[in-house]
């Protein structure tokens, strides 16, 4: 049941990110601020780290570039996208799976 709730939540996040990236693309002068940073993860197993990394990659505007121990190297089109990840909401939801 927890995994179904997570999938529903992730799909809503994908939809919201898709809308945000579409708006960004259609701007005359898009406010892009691409960056790559390490994002901490509190996942204890490889499987959960992979779920976290793939969830990030599925969300438009972000991609996981590398996984190293308790952190993920993430590229984001905007600072806002990266700050949302650093907030830990997705990480916390995966921990509860």
N, C-alpha and C. Protein backbone atom coordinates (compact mmCIF):
# COMPACT_ATOMS: atom_id res chain seq x y z
N UNK A 1 0.82 -1.20 0.00
CA UNK A 1 0.00 0.00 0.00
C UNK A 1 0.86 1.27 0.00
N UNK A 2 1.96 1.25 0.78
CA UNK A 2 2.84 2.42 0.83
C UNK A 2 3.45 2.72 -0.52
N UNK A 3 3.79 1.64 -1.26
CA UNK A 3 4.40 1.86 -2.58
C UNK A 3 3.39 2.45 -3.55
N UNK A 4 2.13 2.08 -3.44
CA UNK A 4 1.10 2.64 -4.32
C UNK A 4 0.92 4.13 -4.02
N UNK A 5 0.90 4.48 -2.74
CA UNK A 5 0.79 5.88 -2.36
C UNK A 5 1.99 6.68 -2.86
N UNK A 6 3.19 6.08 -2.77
CA UNK A 6 4.39 6.76 -3.26
C UNK A 6 4.31 6.98 -4.77
N UNK A 7 3.88 5.97 -5.50
CA UNK A 7 3.77 6.08 -6.95
C UNK A 7 2.78 7.18 -7.32
N UNK A 8 1.66 7.25 -6.62
CA UNK A 8 0.67 8.32 -6.88
C UNK A 8 1.28 9.69 -6.60
N UNK A 9 1.99 9.80 -5.49
CA UNK A 9 2.64 11.06 -5.16
C UNK A 9 3.68 11.42 -6.22
N UNK A 10 4.49 10.45 -6.63
CA UNK A 10 5.52 10.69 -7.64
C UNK A 10 4.91 11.13 -8.96
N UNK A 11 3.82 10.51 -9.36
CA UNK A 11 3.16 10.90 -10.60
C UNK A 11 2.67 12.34 -10.53
N UNK A 12 2.17 12.76 -9.37
CA UNK A 12 1.74 14.15 -9.24
C UNK A 12 2.94 15.10 -9.30
N UNK A 13 4.06 14.70 -8.72
CA UNK A 13 5.27 15.52 -8.79
C UNK A 13 5.80 15.60 -10.22
N UNK A 14 5.72 14.51 -10.95
CA UNK A 14 6.14 14.50 -12.35
C UNK A 14 5.26 15.45 -13.16
N UNK A 15 3.97 15.43 -12.91
CA UNK A 15 3.04 16.31 -13.62
C UNK A 15 3.35 17.78 -13.31
N UNK A 16 3.55 18.10 -12.03
CA UNK A 16 3.85 19.48 -11.65
C UNK A 16 5.17 19.95 -12.27
N UNK A 17 6.18 19.07 -12.25
CA UNK A 17 7.48 19.42 -12.82
C UNK A 17 7.37 19.58 -14.34
N UNK A 18 6.57 18.76 -14.98
CA UNK A 18 6.38 18.86 -16.43
C UNK A 18 5.79 20.21 -16.80
N UNK A 19 4.81 20.65 -16.03
CA UNK A 19 4.20 21.96 -16.27
C UNK A 19 5.23 23.07 -16.07
N UNK A 20 6.00 22.98 -14.99
CA UNK A 20 7.01 24.00 -14.70
C UNK A 20 8.07 24.07 -15.79
N UNK A 21 8.54 22.91 -16.25
CA UNK A 21 9.57 22.89 -17.30
C UNK A 21 8.99 23.39 -18.63
N UNK A 22 7.75 23.05 -18.92
CA UNK A 22 7.10 23.53 -20.15
C UNK A 22 6.99 25.05 -20.13
N UNK A 23 6.57 25.61 -19.00
CA UNK A 23 6.48 27.06 -18.87
C UNK A 23 7.86 27.69 -19.05
N UNK A 24 8.87 27.07 -18.48
CA UNK A 24 10.24 27.58 -18.59
C UNK A 24 10.69 27.59 -20.05
N UNK A 25 10.42 26.52 -20.75
CA UNK A 25 10.85 26.39 -22.15
C UNK A 25 10.16 27.42 -23.03
N UNK A 26 8.91 27.71 -22.76
CA UNK A 26 8.14 28.62 -23.61
C UNK A 26 8.39 30.10 -23.30
N UNK A 27 9.16 30.39 -22.28
CA UNK A 27 9.49 31.78 -21.99
C UNK A 27 10.39 32.35 -23.08
N UNK A 28 10.21 33.63 -23.36
CA UNK A 28 11.05 34.28 -24.38
C UNK A 28 12.51 34.25 -23.95
N UNK A 29 12.77 34.56 -22.68
CA UNK A 29 14.11 34.50 -22.11
C UNK A 29 14.05 33.65 -20.84
N UNK A 30 14.20 32.35 -21.01
CA UNK A 30 14.04 31.45 -19.86
C UNK A 30 15.04 31.74 -18.74
N UNK A 31 14.55 31.63 -17.54
CA UNK A 31 15.39 31.87 -16.37
C UNK A 31 16.05 30.56 -15.93
N UNK A 32 16.92 30.07 -16.77
CA UNK A 32 17.64 28.84 -16.46
C UNK A 32 18.80 29.14 -15.52
N UNK A 33 19.01 28.26 -14.58
CA UNK A 33 20.17 28.36 -13.69
C UNK A 33 20.70 26.94 -13.45
N UNK A 34 21.13 26.28 -14.54
CA UNK A 34 21.55 24.88 -14.41
C UNK A 34 22.74 24.73 -13.46
N UNK A 35 22.68 23.67 -12.68
CA UNK A 35 23.78 23.39 -11.77
C UNK A 35 23.81 21.91 -11.43
N UNK A 36 24.96 21.49 -10.96
CA UNK A 36 25.15 20.10 -10.51
C UNK A 36 25.65 20.17 -9.08
N UNK A 37 24.96 19.45 -8.20
CA UNK A 37 25.36 19.41 -6.79
C UNK A 37 25.08 18.03 -6.21
N UNK A 38 25.77 17.74 -5.12
CA UNK A 38 25.52 16.52 -4.37
C UNK A 38 24.31 16.74 -3.48
N UNK A 39 23.42 15.76 -3.45
CA UNK A 39 22.25 15.78 -2.58
C UNK A 39 22.37 14.60 -1.61
N UNK A 40 22.25 14.89 -0.33
CA UNK A 40 22.35 13.83 0.68
C UNK A 40 21.11 12.95 0.64
N UNK A 41 21.32 11.68 0.94
CA UNK A 41 20.21 10.74 1.04
C UNK A 41 20.33 9.99 2.36
N UNK A 42 19.20 9.69 2.94
CA UNK A 42 19.21 8.93 4.20
C UNK A 42 18.82 7.48 3.97
N UNK A 43 18.81 7.06 2.71
CA UNK A 43 18.46 5.67 2.39
C UNK A 43 19.54 4.72 2.89
N UNK A 44 19.10 3.63 3.48
CA UNK A 44 20.05 2.66 4.07
C UNK A 44 20.38 1.50 3.14
N UNK A 45 19.57 1.29 2.11
CA UNK A 45 19.82 0.15 1.21
C UNK A 45 20.07 0.64 -0.21
N UNK A 46 20.76 -0.20 -0.98
CA UNK A 46 21.03 0.12 -2.38
C UNK A 46 19.72 0.26 -3.16
N UNK A 47 18.76 -0.61 -2.86
CA UNK A 47 17.48 -0.57 -3.58
C UNK A 47 16.79 0.78 -3.38
N UNK A 48 16.75 1.26 -2.16
CA UNK A 48 16.10 2.54 -1.89
C UNK A 48 16.89 3.71 -2.50
N UNK A 49 18.21 3.61 -2.53
CA UNK A 49 19.00 4.65 -3.18
C UNK A 49 18.70 4.68 -4.68
N UNK A 50 18.53 3.51 -5.28
CA UNK A 50 18.20 3.43 -6.70
C UNK A 50 16.80 4.00 -6.95
N UNK A 51 15.85 3.69 -6.07
CA UNK A 51 14.50 4.26 -6.21
C UNK A 51 14.58 5.78 -6.13
N UNK A 52 15.35 6.30 -5.20
CA UNK A 52 15.51 7.75 -5.06
C UNK A 52 16.14 8.35 -6.32
N UNK A 53 17.22 7.75 -6.77
CA UNK A 53 17.92 8.25 -7.97
C UNK A 53 17.00 8.22 -9.19
N UNK A 54 16.27 7.14 -9.37
CA UNK A 54 15.37 7.02 -10.51
C UNK A 54 14.18 7.97 -10.40
N UNK A 55 13.69 8.19 -9.19
CA UNK A 55 12.59 9.13 -8.99
C UNK A 55 13.02 10.54 -9.38
N UNK A 56 14.24 10.89 -9.04
CA UNK A 56 14.77 12.21 -9.42
C UNK A 56 14.85 12.30 -10.94
N UNK A 57 15.36 11.27 -11.58
CA UNK A 57 15.53 11.27 -13.03
C UNK A 57 14.18 11.30 -13.75
N UNK A 58 13.17 10.67 -13.18
CA UNK A 58 11.84 10.68 -13.79
C UNK A 58 11.18 12.05 -13.73
N UNK A 59 11.60 12.86 -12.78
CA UNK A 59 11.01 14.18 -12.60
C UNK A 59 11.65 15.15 -13.60
N UNK A 60 10.86 15.74 -14.50
CA UNK A 60 11.42 16.63 -15.51
C UNK A 60 12.23 17.78 -14.90
N UNK A 61 13.35 18.08 -15.53
CA UNK A 61 14.20 19.17 -15.07
C UNK A 61 15.34 18.72 -14.18
N UNK A 62 15.34 17.45 -13.78
CA UNK A 62 16.41 16.93 -12.94
C UNK A 62 16.86 15.56 -13.46
N UNK A 63 18.12 15.26 -13.19
CA UNK A 63 18.65 13.94 -13.55
C UNK A 63 19.75 13.56 -12.55
N UNK A 64 19.74 12.31 -12.14
CA UNK A 64 20.79 11.82 -11.26
C UNK A 64 21.96 11.37 -12.13
N UNK A 65 23.13 11.93 -11.84
CA UNK A 65 24.32 11.65 -12.64
C UNK A 65 25.16 10.53 -12.02
N UNK A 66 25.21 10.49 -10.67
CA UNK A 66 26.02 9.49 -9.99
C UNK A 66 25.46 9.22 -8.60
N UNK A 67 25.73 8.03 -8.11
CA UNK A 67 25.35 7.64 -6.75
C UNK A 67 26.62 7.24 -6.04
N UNK A 68 26.86 7.85 -4.88
CA UNK A 68 28.06 7.55 -4.11
C UNK A 68 27.70 7.50 -2.63
N UNK A 69 27.73 6.31 -2.07
CA UNK A 69 27.41 6.12 -0.65
C UNK A 69 26.09 6.78 -0.28
N UNK A 70 26.12 7.78 0.55
CA UNK A 70 24.89 8.42 1.05
C UNK A 70 24.59 9.74 0.33
N UNK A 71 25.00 9.86 -0.94
CA UNK A 71 24.70 11.08 -1.67
C UNK A 71 24.55 10.79 -3.16
N UNK A 72 23.81 11.68 -3.81
CA UNK A 72 23.55 11.57 -5.24
C UNK A 72 24.02 12.85 -5.92
N UNK A 73 24.67 12.71 -7.06
CA UNK A 73 25.06 13.86 -7.85
C UNK A 73 23.91 14.15 -8.81
N UNK A 74 23.31 15.35 -8.66
CA UNK A 74 22.10 15.69 -9.41
C UNK A 74 22.33 16.94 -10.26
N UNK A 75 21.90 16.86 -11.51
CA UNK A 75 21.89 18.03 -12.39
C UNK A 75 20.45 18.54 -12.42
N UNK A 76 20.29 19.85 -12.27
CA UNK A 76 18.97 20.47 -12.30
C UNK A 76 19.00 21.67 -13.23
N UNK A 77 17.89 21.91 -13.92
CA UNK A 77 17.79 23.08 -14.80
C UNK A 77 17.70 24.38 -14.02
N UNK A 78 17.19 24.28 -12.78
CA UNK A 78 17.01 25.48 -11.97
C UNK A 78 17.46 25.24 -10.52
N UNK A 79 17.82 26.32 -9.85
CA UNK A 79 18.17 26.21 -8.44
C UNK A 79 16.99 25.75 -7.60
N UNK A 80 15.80 26.20 -7.98
CA UNK A 80 14.58 25.83 -7.24
C UNK A 80 14.39 24.31 -7.24
N UNK A 81 14.61 23.68 -8.39
CA UNK A 81 14.46 22.23 -8.48
C UNK A 81 15.41 21.50 -7.55
N UNK A 82 16.62 21.97 -7.47
CA UNK A 82 17.61 21.35 -6.59
C UNK A 82 17.28 21.61 -5.12
N UNK A 83 16.85 22.81 -4.81
CA UNK A 83 16.52 23.15 -3.41
C UNK A 83 15.34 22.31 -2.92
N UNK A 84 14.39 22.02 -3.82
CA UNK A 84 13.27 21.15 -3.45
C UNK A 84 13.77 19.77 -3.03
N UNK A 85 14.73 19.25 -3.77
CA UNK A 85 15.30 17.94 -3.42
C UNK A 85 16.03 17.99 -2.09
N UNK A 86 16.76 19.07 -1.88
CA UNK A 86 17.50 19.20 -0.63
C UNK A 86 16.58 19.34 0.58
N UNK A 87 15.33 19.75 0.32
CA UNK A 87 14.34 19.85 1.40
C UNK A 87 14.02 18.50 2.03
N UNK A 88 14.25 17.42 1.29
CA UNK A 88 14.14 16.09 1.84
C UNK A 88 12.77 15.43 1.77
N UNK A 89 11.81 16.05 1.10
CA UNK A 89 10.47 15.47 1.03
C UNK A 89 10.47 14.12 0.32
N UNK A 90 11.08 14.06 -0.87
CA UNK A 90 11.14 12.80 -1.62
C UNK A 90 11.94 11.76 -0.85
N UNK A 91 13.07 12.17 -0.29
CA UNK A 91 13.92 11.27 0.48
C UNK A 91 13.13 10.65 1.64
N UNK A 92 12.37 11.48 2.34
CA UNK A 92 11.58 11.01 3.48
C UNK A 92 10.50 10.02 3.06
N UNK A 93 9.86 10.29 1.94
CA UNK A 93 8.80 9.39 1.46
C UNK A 93 9.39 8.03 1.09
N UNK A 94 10.56 8.02 0.51
CA UNK A 94 11.19 6.74 0.14
C UNK A 94 11.62 5.98 1.39
N UNK A 95 12.08 6.67 2.40
CA UNK A 95 12.45 6.03 3.66
C UNK A 95 11.28 5.28 4.28
N UNK A 96 10.07 5.80 4.08
CA UNK A 96 8.87 5.19 4.64
C UNK A 96 8.37 3.97 3.87
N UNK A 97 8.92 3.75 2.66
CA UNK A 97 8.48 2.59 1.87
C UNK A 97 8.84 1.29 2.54
